[in-house]
Amino acid sequence: AIRLATEAPEDLSVAEAAWKGGEPQAAIDYAKGLAGHGRLEQAIEVLLGSIKADREWNNGAARALLLEVFDAAGQGSDITRAGRKKLSSILFS
């Protein structure tokens, strides 16, 4: 959680604009920014979208970051449980 907070840019608008352009790295950067600002649920949604688009991109970077966000949210939290359920449906569909 600390790493996510220290890597978050102050202004997310540039990262959001790049993410909307569809670049996989932009999704990672935007999700890091969201998570660093405590917007964990939004970060999870961005990462799930990235995984759905290309789960193997950069050796599964989106999935690795998603697991970090789950840890930051707490393994028993509602958003982690919901995110894990969505991840399972993406991976096993």
N, C-alpha and C. Protein backbone atom coordinates (compact mmCIF):
# COMPACT_ATOMS: atom_id res chain seq x y z
N ALA A 1 0.83 -1.19 0.00
CA ALA A 1 0.00 0.00 0.00
C ALA A 1 0.87 1.25 0.00
N ILE A 2 1.98 1.20 0.73
CA ILE A 2 2.86 2.36 0.79
C ILE A 2 3.46 2.64 -0.58
N ARG A 3 3.88 1.58 -1.29
CA ARG A 3 4.45 1.77 -2.62
C ARG A 3 3.44 2.41 -3.55
N LEU A 4 2.20 1.97 -3.49
CA LEU A 4 1.16 2.54 -4.34
C LEU A 4 1.00 4.03 -4.06
N ALA A 5 1.03 4.40 -2.80
CA ALA A 5 0.86 5.81 -2.43
C ALA A 5 2.03 6.66 -2.89
N THR A 6 3.25 6.14 -2.79
CA THR A 6 4.41 6.94 -3.16
C THR A 6 4.56 7.07 -4.66
N GLU A 7 3.97 6.16 -5.43
CA GLU A 7 4.09 6.22 -6.88
C GLU A 7 2.94 6.98 -7.54
N ALA A 8 2.00 7.46 -6.77
CA ALA A 8 0.82 8.12 -7.33
C ALA A 8 1.14 9.57 -7.69
N PRO A 9 0.83 9.97 -8.94
CA PRO A 9 1.00 11.37 -9.30
C PRO A 9 -0.08 12.21 -8.61
N GLU A 10 0.23 13.49 -8.38
CA GLU A 10 -0.76 14.36 -7.75
C GLU A 10 -1.98 14.56 -8.65
N ASP A 11 -1.74 14.77 -9.92
CA ASP A 11 -2.81 15.03 -10.88
C ASP A 11 -3.02 13.79 -11.74
N LEU A 12 -4.18 13.20 -11.64
CA LEU A 12 -4.47 11.98 -12.38
C LEU A 12 -5.00 12.24 -13.79
N SER A 13 -5.23 13.50 -14.15
CA SER A 13 -5.88 13.79 -15.44
C SER A 13 -5.03 13.34 -16.63
N VAL A 14 -3.73 13.48 -16.56
CA VAL A 14 -2.86 13.04 -17.66
C VAL A 14 -2.89 11.52 -17.78
N ALA A 15 -2.80 10.84 -16.65
CA ALA A 15 -2.84 9.37 -16.65
C ALA A 15 -4.20 8.88 -17.15
N GLU A 16 -5.26 9.56 -16.76
CA GLU A 16 -6.59 9.15 -17.21
C GLU A 16 -6.74 9.33 -18.71
N ALA A 17 -6.25 10.44 -19.24
CA ALA A 17 -6.33 10.68 -20.69
C ALA A 17 -5.55 9.62 -21.46
N ALA A 18 -4.37 9.27 -20.98
CA ALA A 18 -3.56 8.24 -21.65
C ALA A 18 -4.27 6.89 -21.58
N TRP A 19 -4.88 6.58 -20.44
CA TRP A 19 -5.60 5.32 -20.28
C TRP A 19 -6.76 5.24 -21.26
N LYS A 20 -7.46 6.34 -21.44
CA LYS A 20 -8.59 6.35 -22.38
C LYS A 20 -8.11 6.13 -23.81
N GLY A 21 -6.82 6.35 -24.07
CA GLY A 21 -6.24 6.09 -25.38
C GLY A 21 -6.03 4.60 -25.65
N GLY A 22 -6.16 3.78 -24.63
CA GLY A 22 -6.11 2.34 -24.82
C GLY A 22 -4.76 1.67 -24.68
N GLU A 23 -3.75 2.39 -24.26
CA GLU A 23 -2.42 1.79 -24.10
C GLU A 23 -2.36 0.96 -22.81
N PRO A 24 -1.86 -0.26 -22.88
CA PRO A 24 -1.80 -1.11 -21.68
C PRO A 24 -0.99 -0.49 -20.54
N GLN A 25 0.14 0.12 -20.84
CA GLN A 25 0.94 0.73 -19.76
C GLN A 25 0.20 1.88 -19.12
N ALA A 26 -0.60 2.59 -19.90
CA ALA A 26 -1.38 3.69 -19.36
C ALA A 26 -2.40 3.19 -18.34
N ALA A 27 -2.95 2.01 -18.58
CA ALA A 27 -3.89 1.43 -17.61
C ALA A 27 -3.18 1.14 -16.29
N ILE A 28 -1.97 0.61 -16.38
CA ILE A 28 -1.19 0.33 -15.18
C ILE A 28 -0.90 1.63 -14.43
N ASP A 29 -0.42 2.64 -15.15
CA ASP A 29 -0.08 3.91 -14.53
C ASP A 29 -1.30 4.58 -13.89
N TYR A 30 -2.41 4.56 -14.59
CA TYR A 30 -3.64 5.17 -14.08
C TYR A 30 -4.12 4.42 -12.84
N ALA A 31 -4.10 3.10 -12.89
CA ALA A 31 -4.53 2.30 -11.74
C ALA A 31 -3.64 2.55 -10.52
N LYS A 32 -2.33 2.67 -10.75
CA LYS A 32 -1.41 3.00 -9.64
C LYS A 32 -1.79 4.34 -9.03
N GLY A 33 -2.08 5.31 -9.90
CA GLY A 33 -2.47 6.62 -9.42
C GLY A 33 -3.75 6.58 -8.62
N LEU A 34 -4.74 5.88 -9.14
CA LEU A 34 -6.02 5.75 -8.43
C LEU A 34 -5.81 5.10 -7.07
N ALA A 35 -5.07 4.00 -7.06
CA ALA A 35 -4.83 3.29 -5.80
C ALA A 35 -4.06 4.16 -4.82
N GLY A 36 -3.10 4.89 -5.32
CA GLY A 36 -2.31 5.77 -4.46
C GLY A 36 -3.12 6.89 -3.84
N HIS A 37 -4.22 7.24 -4.49
CA HIS A 37 -5.13 8.26 -3.96
C HIS A 37 -6.29 7.63 -3.18
N GLY A 38 -6.19 6.33 -2.92
CA GLY A 38 -7.21 5.66 -2.13
C GLY A 38 -8.46 5.27 -2.90
N ARG A 39 -8.42 5.41 -4.20
CA ARG A 39 -9.57 5.07 -5.04
C ARG A 39 -9.41 3.62 -5.53
N LEU A 40 -9.42 2.71 -4.56
CA LEU A 40 -9.10 1.31 -4.83
C LEU A 40 -10.12 0.63 -5.72
N GLU A 41 -11.39 0.91 -5.52
CA GLU A 41 -12.42 0.27 -6.33
C GLU A 41 -12.27 0.65 -7.80
N GLN A 42 -11.98 1.92 -8.07
CA GLN A 42 -11.76 2.35 -9.45
C GLN A 42 -10.50 1.71 -10.02
N ALA A 43 -9.45 1.62 -9.22
CA ALA A 43 -8.21 0.99 -9.67
C ALA A 43 -8.47 -0.46 -10.06
N ILE A 44 -9.27 -1.15 -9.26
CA ILE A 44 -9.60 -2.54 -9.55
C ILE A 44 -10.32 -2.65 -10.88
N GLU A 45 -11.28 -1.77 -11.13
CA GLU A 45 -12.03 -1.81 -12.39
C GLU A 45 -11.13 -1.56 -13.60
N VAL A 46 -10.21 -0.60 -13.48
CA VAL A 46 -9.28 -0.31 -14.57
C VAL A 46 -8.41 -1.53 -14.85
N LEU A 47 -7.91 -2.15 -13.80
CA LEU A 47 -7.04 -3.32 -13.97
C LEU A 47 -7.80 -4.52 -14.52
N LEU A 48 -9.02 -4.71 -14.08
CA LEU A 48 -9.83 -5.81 -14.63
C LEU A 48 -10.06 -5.60 -16.12
N GLY A 49 -10.30 -4.37 -16.53
CA GLY A 49 -10.46 -4.07 -17.95
C GLY A 49 -9.20 -4.37 -18.74
N SER A 50 -8.06 -4.04 -18.15
CA SER A 50 -6.78 -4.31 -18.80
C SER A 50 -6.54 -5.81 -18.93
N ILE A 51 -6.85 -6.55 -17.88
CA ILE A 51 -6.69 -8.00 -17.91
C ILE A 51 -7.61 -8.61 -18.96
N LYS A 52 -8.82 -8.11 -19.02
CA LYS A 52 -9.77 -8.63 -20.01
C LYS A 52 -9.27 -8.37 -21.43
N ALA A 53 -8.66 -7.21 -21.65
CA ALA A 53 -8.16 -6.86 -22.98
C ALA A 53 -6.95 -7.71 -23.37
N ASP A 54 -6.02 -7.92 -22.44
CA ASP A 54 -4.80 -8.70 -22.73
C ASP A 54 -4.16 -9.14 -21.42
N ARG A 55 -4.57 -10.29 -20.94
CA ARG A 55 -4.13 -10.73 -19.62
C ARG A 55 -2.64 -11.03 -19.54
N GLU A 56 -1.99 -11.29 -20.68
CA GLU A 56 -0.58 -11.64 -20.67
C GLU A 56 0.36 -10.46 -20.93
N TRP A 57 -0.19 -9.27 -21.18
CA TRP A 57 0.66 -8.12 -21.50
C TRP A 57 1.70 -7.90 -20.39
N ASN A 58 2.93 -7.72 -20.79
CA ASN A 58 4.04 -7.42 -19.88
C ASN A 58 4.10 -8.43 -18.72
N ASN A 59 4.03 -9.71 -19.10
CA ASN A 59 4.11 -10.79 -18.11
C ASN A 59 3.05 -10.70 -17.02
N GLY A 60 1.86 -10.27 -17.41
CA GLY A 60 0.75 -10.20 -16.45
C GLY A 60 0.86 -9.05 -15.47
N ALA A 61 1.40 -7.91 -15.92
CA ALA A 61 1.61 -6.77 -15.03
C ALA A 61 0.31 -6.28 -14.39
N ALA A 62 -0.77 -6.26 -15.15
CA ALA A 62 -2.04 -5.79 -14.59
C ALA A 62 -2.52 -6.71 -13.47
N ARG A 63 -2.36 -8.00 -13.67
CA ARG A 63 -2.79 -8.95 -12.64
C ARG A 63 -1.92 -8.80 -11.38
N ALA A 64 -0.62 -8.63 -11.56
CA ALA A 64 0.27 -8.46 -10.41
C ALA A 64 -0.10 -7.21 -9.62
N LEU A 65 -0.38 -6.12 -10.32
CA LEU A 65 -0.78 -4.89 -9.63
C LEU A 65 -2.15 -5.07 -8.97
N LEU A 66 -3.03 -5.78 -9.64
CA LEU A 66 -4.36 -6.03 -9.06
C LEU A 66 -4.23 -6.74 -7.72
N LEU A 67 -3.34 -7.71 -7.64
CA LEU A 67 -3.13 -8.42 -6.37
C LEU A 67 -2.61 -7.49 -5.29
N GLU A 68 -1.76 -6.53 -5.67
CA GLU A 68 -1.29 -5.52 -4.71
C GLU A 68 -2.44 -4.65 -4.22
N VAL A 69 -3.32 -4.28 -5.14
CA VAL A 69 -4.47 -3.45 -4.77
C VAL A 69 -5.39 -4.24 -3.84
N PHE A 70 -5.59 -5.52 -4.13
CA PHE A 70 -6.39 -6.36 -3.23
C PHE A 70 -5.77 -6.37 -1.83
N ASP A 71 -4.45 -6.50 -1.75
CA ASP A 71 -3.77 -6.47 -0.45
C ASP A 71 -4.00 -5.15 0.26
N ALA A 72 -3.91 -4.05 -0.49
CA ALA A 72 -4.11 -2.73 0.10
C ALA A 72 -5.54 -2.57 0.61
N ALA A 73 -6.50 -3.14 -0.10
CA ALA A 73 -7.90 -3.03 0.30
C ALA A 73 -8.22 -3.94 1.48
N GLY A 74 -7.42 -5.00 1.63
CA GLY A 74 -7.68 -5.99 2.67
C GLY A 74 -8.33 -7.22 2.06
N GLN A 75 -7.78 -8.36 2.35
CA GLN A 75 -8.25 -9.59 1.71
C GLN A 75 -9.72 -9.90 2.00
N GLY A 76 -10.23 -9.47 3.13
CA GLY A 76 -11.62 -9.74 3.47
C GLY A 76 -12.59 -8.64 3.10
N SER A 77 -12.09 -7.59 2.46
CA SER A 77 -12.97 -6.45 2.15
C SER A 77 -13.96 -6.80 1.04
N ASP A 78 -15.06 -6.08 1.04
CA ASP A 78 -16.08 -6.30 0.02
C ASP A 78 -15.54 -6.04 -1.39
N ILE A 79 -14.72 -4.98 -1.54
CA ILE A 79 -14.24 -4.68 -2.89
C ILE A 79 -13.24 -5.73 -3.37
N THR A 80 -12.47 -6.31 -2.46
CA THR A 80 -11.56 -7.38 -2.85
C THR A 80 -12.34 -8.63 -3.24
N ARG A 81 -13.33 -8.98 -2.45
CA ARG A 81 -14.14 -10.17 -2.78
C ARG A 81 -14.83 -9.99 -4.13
N ALA A 82 -15.41 -8.82 -4.36
CA ALA A 82 -16.09 -8.56 -5.64
C ALA A 82 -15.09 -8.57 -6.78
N GLY A 83 -13.91 -7.97 -6.57
CA GLY A 83 -12.88 -7.95 -7.60
C GLY A 83 -12.36 -9.33 -7.93
N ARG A 84 -12.17 -10.15 -6.92
CA ARG A 84 -11.71 -11.53 -7.16
C ARG A 84 -12.74 -12.33 -7.94
N LYS A 85 -14.00 -12.11 -7.65
CA LYS A 85 -15.07 -12.80 -8.38
C LYS A 85 -15.04 -12.40 -9.86
N LYS A 86 -14.89 -11.09 -10.12
CA LYS A 86 -14.82 -10.61 -11.51
C LYS A 86 -13.57 -11.15 -12.20
N LEU A 87 -12.44 -11.17 -11.48
CA LEU A 87 -11.20 -11.70 -12.05
C LEU A 87 -11.38 -13.16 -12.43
N SER A 88 -11.99 -13.94 -11.57
CA SER A 88 -12.23 -15.35 -11.89
C SER A 88 -13.07 -15.51 -13.14
N SER A 89 -14.10 -14.68 -13.27
CA SER A 89 -14.96 -14.81 -14.46
C SER A 89 -14.20 -14.43 -15.73
N ILE A 90 -13.26 -13.50 -15.63
CA ILE A 90 -12.44 -13.13 -16.79
C ILE A 90 -11.48 -14.27 -17.14
N LEU A 91 -10.81 -14.79 -16.14
CA LEU A 91 -9.78 -15.81 -16.38
C LEU A 91 -10.35 -17.16 -16.80
N PHE A 92 -11.54 -17.46 -16.35
CA PHE A 92 -12.10 -18.79 -16.62
C PHE A 92 -13.28 -18.77 -17.57
N SER A 93 -13.41 -17.70 -18.35
CA SER A 93 -14.52 -17.65 -19.32
C SER A 93 -14.03 -18.00 -20.71
